[in-house]
C-alpha atoms as a PDB file:
ATOM      1  CA  UNK A   1       0.122   0.283  -0.736  1.00  0.00           C
ATOM      2  CA  UNK A   2       2.739   2.354   0.391  1.00  0.00           C
ATOM      3  CA  UNK A   3       4.060   1.464  -3.366  1.00  0.00           C
ATOM      4  CA  UNK A   4       2.859   4.021  -5.936  1.00  0.00           C
ATOM      5  CA  UNK A   5      -0.488   5.092  -6.468  1.00  0.00           C
ATOM      6  CA  UNK A   6      -2.700   3.444  -9.956  1.00  0.00           C
ATOM      7  CA  UNK A   7      -5.223   4.144 -11.664  1.00  0.00           C
ATOM      8  CA  UNK A   8      -5.623   0.046 -12.226  1.00  0.00           C
ATOM      9  CA  UNK A   9      -3.296  -1.904 -10.141  1.00  0.00           C
ATOM     10  CA  UNK A  10      -2.964  -4.737 -12.897  1.00  0.00           C
ATOM     11  CA  UNK A  11      -0.913  -7.634 -10.847  1.00  0.00           C
ATOM     12  CA  UNK A  12      -4.755  -7.597  -7.906  1.00  0.00           C
ATOM     13  CA  UNK A  13      -6.730  -7.417 -10.890  1.00  0.00           C
ATOM     14  CA  UNK A  14      -4.930 -10.334 -12.705  1.00  0.00           C
ATOM     15  CA  UNK A  15      -4.805 -12.186  -9.204  1.00  0.00           C
ATOM     16  CA  UNK A  16      -8.661 -11.397  -8.597  1.00  0.00           C
ATOM     17  CA  UNK A  17      -8.718 -13.431 -12.263  1.00  0.00           C
ATOM     18  CA  UNK A  18      -7.032 -16.183 -11.831  1.00  0.00           C
ATOM     19  CA  UNK A  19      -8.546 -16.736  -8.344  1.00  0.00           C
ATOM     20  CA  UNK A  20     -11.909 -16.482  -9.431  1.00  0.00           C
ATOM     21  CA  UNK A  21     -11.411 -18.827 -12.226  1.00  0.00           C
ATOM     22  CA  UNK A  22      -9.970 -21.248  -9.981  1.00  0.00           C
ATOM     23  CA  UNK A  23     -12.885 -20.926  -7.792  1.00  0.00           C
ATOM     24  CA  UNK A  24     -15.299 -22.124 -10.409  1.00  0.00           C
ATOM     25  CA  UNK A  25     -12.936 -25.045 -11.494  1.00  0.00           C
ATOM     26  CA  UNK A  26     -13.439 -26.301  -8.219  1.00  0.00           C
ATOM     27  CA  UNK A  27     -17.241 -25.486  -8.201  1.00  0.00           C
ATOM     28  CA  UNK A  28     -17.874 -26.934 -11.806  1.00  0.00           C
ATOM     29  CA  UNK A  29     -15.512 -30.477 -10.830  1.00  0.00           C
ATOM     30  CA  UNK A  30     -17.602 -30.634  -7.477  1.00  0.00           C
ATOM     31  CA  UNK A  31     -20.787 -30.565  -9.431  1.00  0.00           C
ATOM     32  CA  UNK A  32     -19.860 -32.964 -11.257  1.00  0.00           C
ATOM     33  CA  UNK A  33     -19.156 -35.280  -9.274  1.00  0.00           C
ATOM     34  CA  UNK A  34     -22.287 -34.658  -7.844  1.00  0.00           C
ATOM     35  CA  UNK A  35     -24.431 -35.457 -10.485  1.00  0.00           C
ATOM     36  CA  UNK A  36     -22.099 -38.609 -11.147  1.00  0.00           C
ATOM     37  CA  UNK A  37     -23.142 -39.776  -7.852  1.00  0.00           C
ATOM     38  CA  UNK A  38     -26.856 -39.060  -8.174  1.00  0.00           C
ATOM     39  CA  UNK A  39     -26.987 -40.966 -11.812  1.00  0.00           C
ATOM     40  CA  UNK A  40     -25.136 -44.084 -10.517  1.00  0.00           C
ATOM     41  CA  UNK A  41     -27.489 -43.841  -6.970  1.00  0.00           C
ATOM     42  CA  UNK A  42     -30.387 -43.289  -9.507  1.00  0.00           C
ATOM     43  CA  UNK A  43     -29.196 -45.751 -11.654  1.00  0.00           C
ATOM     44  CA  UNK A  44     -29.651 -43.277 -14.699  1.00  0.00           C
ATOM     45  CA  UNK A  45     -26.075 -44.201 -16.014  1.00  0.00           C
ATOM     46  CA  UNK A  46     -25.582 -43.122 -19.569  1.00  0.00           C
ATOM     47  CA  UNK A  47     -24.162 -45.963 -21.497  1.00  0.00           C
ATOM     48  CA  UNK A  48     -22.653 -45.860 -24.650  1.00  0.00           C
ATOM     49  CA  UNK A  49     -23.940 -48.332 -27.996  1.00  0.00           C
ATOM     50  CA  UNK A  50     -23.640 -48.781 -31.670  1.00  0.00           C
ATOM     51  CA  UNK A  51     -26.888 -48.371 -33.910  1.00  0.00           C
ATOM     52  CA  UNK A  52     -27.361 -50.758 -36.743  1.00  0.00           C
ATOM     53  CA  UNK A  53     -25.781 -47.876 -39.137  1.00  0.00           C
ATOM     54  CA  UNK A  54     -22.607 -48.689 -36.725  1.00  0.00           C
ATOM     55  CA  UNK A  55     -22.758 -44.916 -35.047  1.00  0.00           C
ATOM     56  CA  UNK A  56     -21.654 -44.402 -31.548  1.00  0.00           C
ATOM     57  CA  UNK A  57     -24.784 -43.215 -29.255  1.00  0.00           C
ATOM     58  CA  UNK A  58     -25.428 -42.506 -25.815  1.00  0.00           C
ATOM     59  CA  UNK A  59     -28.171 -42.984 -23.614  1.00  0.00           C
ATOM     60  CA  UNK A  60     -29.604 -44.109 -20.229  1.00  0.00           C
ATOM     61  CA  UNK A  61     -29.689 -47.055 -19.167  1.00  0.00           C
ATOM     62  CA  UNK A  62     -32.677 -47.706 -18.586  1.00  0.00           C
ATOM     63  CA  UNK A  63     -33.733 -46.028 -21.601  1.00  0.00           C
ATOM     64  CA  UNK A  64     -31.340 -48.627 -23.503  1.00  0.00           C
ATOM     65  CA  UNK A  65     -33.608 -51.834 -25.106  1.00  0.00           C
ATOM     66  CA  UNK A  66     -36.344 -49.029 -25.879  1.00  0.00           C
ATOM     67  CA  UNK A  67     -33.047 -47.434 -28.116  1.00  0.00           C
ATOM     68  CA  UNK A  68     -32.425 -51.045 -29.765  1.00  0.00           C
ATOM     69  CA  UNK A  69     -35.600 -51.792 -30.435  1.00  0.00           C
ATOM     70  CA  UNK A  70     -36.515 -48.429 -32.231  1.00  0.00           C
ATOM     71  CA  UNK A  71     -33.625 -49.336 -34.291  1.00  0.00           C
ATOM     72  CA  UNK A  72     -34.225 -53.070 -35.116  1.00  0.00           C
ATOM     73  CA  UNK A  73     -37.592 -51.741 -36.124  1.00  0.00           C
ATOM     74  CA  UNK A  74     -36.469 -48.977 -38.438  1.00  0.00           C
ATOM     75  CA  UNK A  75     -33.596 -51.659 -40.053  1.00  0.00           C
ATOM     76  CA  UNK A  76     -36.734 -54.008 -40.244  1.00  0.00           C
ATOM     77  CA  UNK A  77     -38.795 -50.837 -42.219  1.00  0.00           C
ATOM     78  CA  UNK A  78     -35.142 -50.212 -44.363  1.00  0.00           C
ATOM     79  CA  UNK A  79     -35.252 -54.119 -45.743  1.00  0.00           C
ATOM     80  CA  UNK A  80     -38.378 -54.185 -46.381  1.00  0.00           C
ATOM     81  CA  UNK A  81     -37.659 -50.249 -48.386  1.00  0.00           C
ATOM     82  CA  UNK A  82     -35.356 -52.054 -50.164  1.00  0.00           C
ATOM     83  CA  UNK A  83     -37.212 -54.844 -51.081  1.00  0.00           C
ATOM     84  CA  UNK A  84     -40.247 -53.131 -52.742  1.00  0.00           C
ATOM     85  CA  UNK A  85     -37.340 -51.154 -54.787  1.00  0.00           C
ATOM     86  CA  UNK A  86     -35.864 -54.453 -55.830  1.00  0.00           C
ATOM     87  CA  UNK A  87     -39.142 -55.571 -56.753  1.00  0.00           C
ATOM     88  CA  UNK A  88     -40.272 -52.323 -58.898  1.00  0.00           C
ATOM     89  CA  UNK A  89     -39.825 -53.222 -62.344  1.00  0.00           C
ATOM     90  CA  UNK A  90     -38.783 -49.233 -62.912  1.00  0.00           C
ATOM     91  CA  UNK A  91     -35.840 -47.835 -61.270  1.00  0.00           C
ATOM     92  CA  UNK A  92     -36.673 -44.535 -59.384  1.00  0.00           C
ATOM     93  CA  UNK A  93     -34.199 -42.684 -61.301  1.00  0.00           C
ATOM     94  CA  UNK A  94     -35.436 -43.302 -64.822  1.00  0.00           C
ATOM     95  CA  UNK A  95     -36.803 -40.007 -66.886  1.00  0.00           C
ATOM     96  CA  UNK A  96     -40.217 -39.997 -67.892  1.00  0.00           C
ATOM     97  CA  UNK A  97     -39.383 -40.139 -71.332  1.00  0.00           C
ATOM     98  CA  UNK A  98     -37.596 -44.019 -70.539  1.00  0.00           C
ATOM     99  CA  UNK A  99     -40.242 -44.546 -67.677  1.00  0.00           C
ATOM    100  CA  UNK A 100     -43.114 -44.193 -70.839  1.00  0.00           C
ATOM    101  CA  UNK A 101     -41.236 -46.002 -73.080  1.00  0.00           C
ATOM    102  CA  UNK A 102     -40.422 -49.357 -71.311  1.00  0.00           C
ATOM    103  CA  UNK A 103     -44.686 -49.006 -69.768  1.00  0.00           C
ATOM    104  CA  UNK A 104     -45.612 -49.144 -73.941  1.00  0.00           C
ATOM    105  CA  UNK A 105     -42.983 -51.992 -74.158  1.00  0.00           C
ATOM    106  CA  UNK A 106     -44.453 -54.185 -71.594  1.00  0.00           C
ATOM    107  CA  UNK A 107     -47.852 -53.296 -73.046  1.00  0.00           C
ATOM    108  CA  UNK A 108     -47.174 -54.168 -76.464  1.00  0.00           C
ATOM    109  CA  UNK A 109     -45.561 -57.596 -74.953  1.00  0.00           C
ATOM    110  CA  UNK A 110     -49.013 -57.978 -73.069  1.00  0.00           C
ATOM    111  CA  UNK A 111     -50.787 -57.858 -76.141  1.00  0.00           C
ATOM    112  CA  UNK A 112     -48.973 -59.584 -78.487  1.00  0.00           C
ATOM    113  CA  UNK A 113     -49.552 -62.574 -75.451  1.00  0.00           C
ATOM    114  CA  UNK A 114     -52.806 -61.682 -75.490  1.00  0.00           C
ATOM    115  CA  UNK A 115     -53.629 -61.862 -79.208  1.00  0.00           C
ATOM    116  CA  UNK A 116     -51.824 -64.622 -79.707  1.00  0.00           C
ATOM    117  CA  UNK A 117     -53.028 -66.880 -76.892  1.00  0.00           C
ATOM    118  CA  UNK A 118     -56.452 -65.759 -78.454  1.00  0.00           C
ATOM    119  CA  UNK A 119     -55.892 -67.306 -81.932  1.00  0.00           C
END
């Protein structure tokens, strides 16, 4: 206090910032530890699993069976869609003209078969 008087005491300011940061870090660590203890005690532990697409996911242990069930249902719907698309004679990426041409050829074949069958 007997030293020169300045408008801003930078050393004191830095000291206060450092001690404030340390206080906040300690407080945050304490709250994280408390949260982990509460989670373990209440059986709300986070677990990591891999879904059908190979992605790593996290969920609560109590929600894991439901998440796996949802994943299986999504896989079954996706497989069904793939089978439906493979059965369809016209792929999704055909232009309208190509689709119309294929339809015309199919109709001509059907008409020829009917004509040959009637005779």
